[in-house]
Amino acid sequence: MAYPLITDCPVCTKKLKVTKLHCSNCQTTIENEFEMSKFFSLEQEQLQFIEVFLKCRGNIKEVEKELSISYPTVRGKLNEIIEALGYAAQSKSKIDKKKVISMLESGEITPEEAINMIKEGEADAYERGNS
């Protein structure tokens, strides 16, 4: 029985390194220090979200339907995963209010989501201006 790969040491919590690979078919064993993908450090829920996102070909509206979550929640999960992979989440200098209104008119987002997006964008712009 195969167990899921753990990435952190259960004793000291530091990152583990893969040092041995084994083929159960021909019994070949290779020992060395191997790099693991950044994706191995993600939580199971984050990996499942990425799977749904890819299945939906990045269409946020489809992700919303598939997971029964709102646009801001999808966006928040994406930002969380981007940061967990070691990349800085992109911050927009100004929210595109016309795009938010267009999304609202097409039914992609609810009025409450539109208000939250605009408020969030204005709060981000305020914070950048005062830092």
Protein backbone atom coordinates (compact mmCIF):
# COMPACT_ATOMS: atom_id res chain seq x y z
CA MET A 1 0.00 0.00 0.00
CA ALA A 2 1.38 3.40 -0.97
CA TYR A 3 1.08 6.32 1.43
CA PRO A 4 0.75 9.97 0.39
CA LEU A 5 4.09 11.75 0.19
CA ILE A 6 4.84 13.95 3.21
CA THR A 7 6.93 17.06 2.62
CA ASP A 8 7.71 18.21 6.17
CA CYS A 9 9.65 16.35 8.83
CA PRO A 10 7.30 15.10 11.57
CA VAL A 11 10.04 15.75 14.16
CA CYS A 12 11.44 19.21 13.36
CA THR A 13 8.95 20.40 10.67
CA LYS A 14 11.74 21.27 8.17
CA LYS A 15 11.33 20.36 4.48
CA LEU A 16 12.13 16.74 3.63
CA LYS A 17 14.24 15.71 0.62
CA VAL A 18 13.59 12.65 -1.51
CA THR A 19 16.71 10.50 -1.51
CA LYS A 20 15.54 7.13 -2.82
CA LEU A 21 13.38 6.00 -5.74
CA HIS A 22 12.37 2.41 -6.28
CA CYS A 23 10.64 0.57 -9.15
CA SER A 24 8.35 -2.15 -7.80
CA ASN A 25 8.25 -3.80 -11.23
CA CYS A 26 11.96 -4.43 -11.90
CA GLN A 27 13.27 -3.71 -8.38
CA THR A 28 15.61 -0.94 -9.59
CA THR A 29 16.56 1.46 -6.80
CA ILE A 30 18.09 4.88 -7.37
CA GLU A 31 19.59 6.85 -4.49
CA ASN A 32 20.45 10.54 -4.71
CA GLU A 33 18.98 13.87 -3.64
CA PHE A 34 15.92 14.72 -5.75
CA GLU A 35 14.01 17.99 -5.99
CA MET A 36 10.28 18.00 -5.34
CA SER A 37 7.85 20.21 -7.20
CA LYS A 38 6.46 23.28 -5.44
CA PHE A 39 3.05 21.66 -5.78
CA PHE A 40 3.98 19.03 -3.18
CA SER A 41 3.95 21.77 -0.54
CA LEU A 42 0.28 22.62 -1.20
CA GLU A 43 -2.50 21.35 1.02
CA GLN A 44 -4.91 18.73 -0.34
CA GLU A 45 -7.75 21.26 -0.61
CA GLN A 46 -5.53 23.58 -2.68
CA LEU A 47 -4.58 20.73 -5.03
CA GLN A 48 -8.25 19.84 -5.48
CA PHE A 49 -9.01 23.49 -6.29
CA ILE A 50 -6.23 23.53 -8.92
CA GLU A 51 -7.64 20.34 -10.44
CA VAL A 52 -11.11 21.92 -10.75
CA PHE A 53 -9.60 25.16 -12.08
CA LEU A 54 -7.70 23.26 -14.80
CA LYS A 55 -10.71 21.06 -15.61
CA CYS A 56 -12.69 24.28 -16.14
CA ARG A 57 -9.83 25.62 -18.30
CA GLY A 58 -9.42 28.62 -16.03
CA ASN A 59 -13.00 29.80 -16.55
CA ILE A 60 -13.80 31.37 -13.19
CA LYS A 61 -17.55 31.28 -13.82
CA GLU A 62 -17.34 27.50 -14.34
CA VAL A 63 -15.20 27.12 -11.20
CA GLU A 64 -17.86 29.06 -9.28
CA LYS A 65 -20.56 26.65 -10.49
CA GLU A 66 -18.48 23.52 -9.94
CA LEU A 67 -17.54 24.44 -6.36
CA SER A 68 -20.66 26.50 -5.51
CA ILE A 69 -18.55 29.46 -4.40
CA SER A 70 -18.55 33.15 -5.32
CA TYR A 71 -16.20 35.02 -7.65
CA PRO A 72 -14.34 36.73 -4.77
CA THR A 73 -13.85 33.32 -3.10
CA VAL A 74 -12.40 31.84 -6.30
CA ARG A 75 -10.09 34.82 -6.64
CA GLY A 76 -9.06 34.56 -2.99
CA LYS A 77 -8.25 30.86 -3.33
CA LEU A 78 -6.18 31.55 -6.44
CA ASN A 79 -4.22 34.28 -4.64
CA GLU A 80 -3.67 31.96 -1.66
CA ILE A 81 -2.27 29.23 -3.93
CA ILE A 82 -0.09 31.70 -5.85
CA GLU A 83 1.43 32.88 -2.58
CA ALA A 84 1.84 29.31 -1.27
CA LEU A 85 3.85 28.52 -4.41
CA GLY A 86 6.19 31.38 -3.55
CA TYR A 87 4.93 33.99 -6.00
CA ALA A 88 3.67 37.42 -5.05
CA ALA A 89 0.00 37.85 -5.82
CA GLN A 90 -0.57 40.56 -8.40
CA SER A 91 -2.05 43.68 -6.94
CA LYS A 92 -3.97 45.99 -9.19
CA SER A 93 -3.27 49.65 -8.69
CA LYS A 94 -6.90 50.43 -9.40
CA ILE A 95 -10.02 48.29 -9.66
CA ASP A 96 -11.55 48.31 -13.14
CA LYS A 97 -15.05 49.43 -12.24
CA LYS A 98 -16.24 49.10 -15.84
CA LYS A 99 -15.24 45.43 -15.83
CA VAL A 100 -17.05 44.89 -12.52
CA ILE A 101 -20.19 46.52 -13.94
CA SER A 102 -19.90 44.42 -17.09
CA MET A 103 -19.61 41.25 -14.99
CA LEU A 104 -22.62 42.35 -12.95
CA GLU A 105 -24.70 43.03 -16.08
CA SER A 106 -23.82 39.65 -17.60
CA GLY A 107 -24.79 37.86 -14.38
CA GLU A 108 -21.27 36.61 -13.61
CA ILE A 109 -21.40 38.20 -10.16
CA THR A 110 -24.12 39.32 -7.77
CA PRO A 111 -24.64 42.96 -6.74
CA GLU A 112 -23.14 42.14 -3.32
CA GLU A 113 -20.04 40.65 -4.95
CA ALA A 114 -19.69 43.73 -7.18
CA ILE A 115 -19.87 46.03 -4.15
CA ASN A 116 -17.28 43.91 -2.30
CA MET A 117 -14.95 43.90 -5.31
CA ILE A 118 -15.13 47.68 -5.65
CA LYS A 119 -14.69 48.21 -1.89
CA GLU A 120 -11.76 45.77 -1.85
CA GLY A 121 -10.13 47.57 -4.78
CA GLU A 122 -10.59 50.96 -3.15
CA ALA A 123 -9.20 49.65 0.16
CA ASP A 124 -6.16 48.22 -1.66
CA ALA A 125 -5.58 51.54 -3.44
CA TYR A 126 -5.93 53.42 -0.12
CA GLU A 127 -3.41 51.11 1.60
CA ARG A 128 -0.90 51.50 -1.24
CA GLY A 129 -1.28 55.28 -1.10
CA ASN A 130 -0.58 55.34 2.65
CA SER A 131 2.35 52.95 2.77
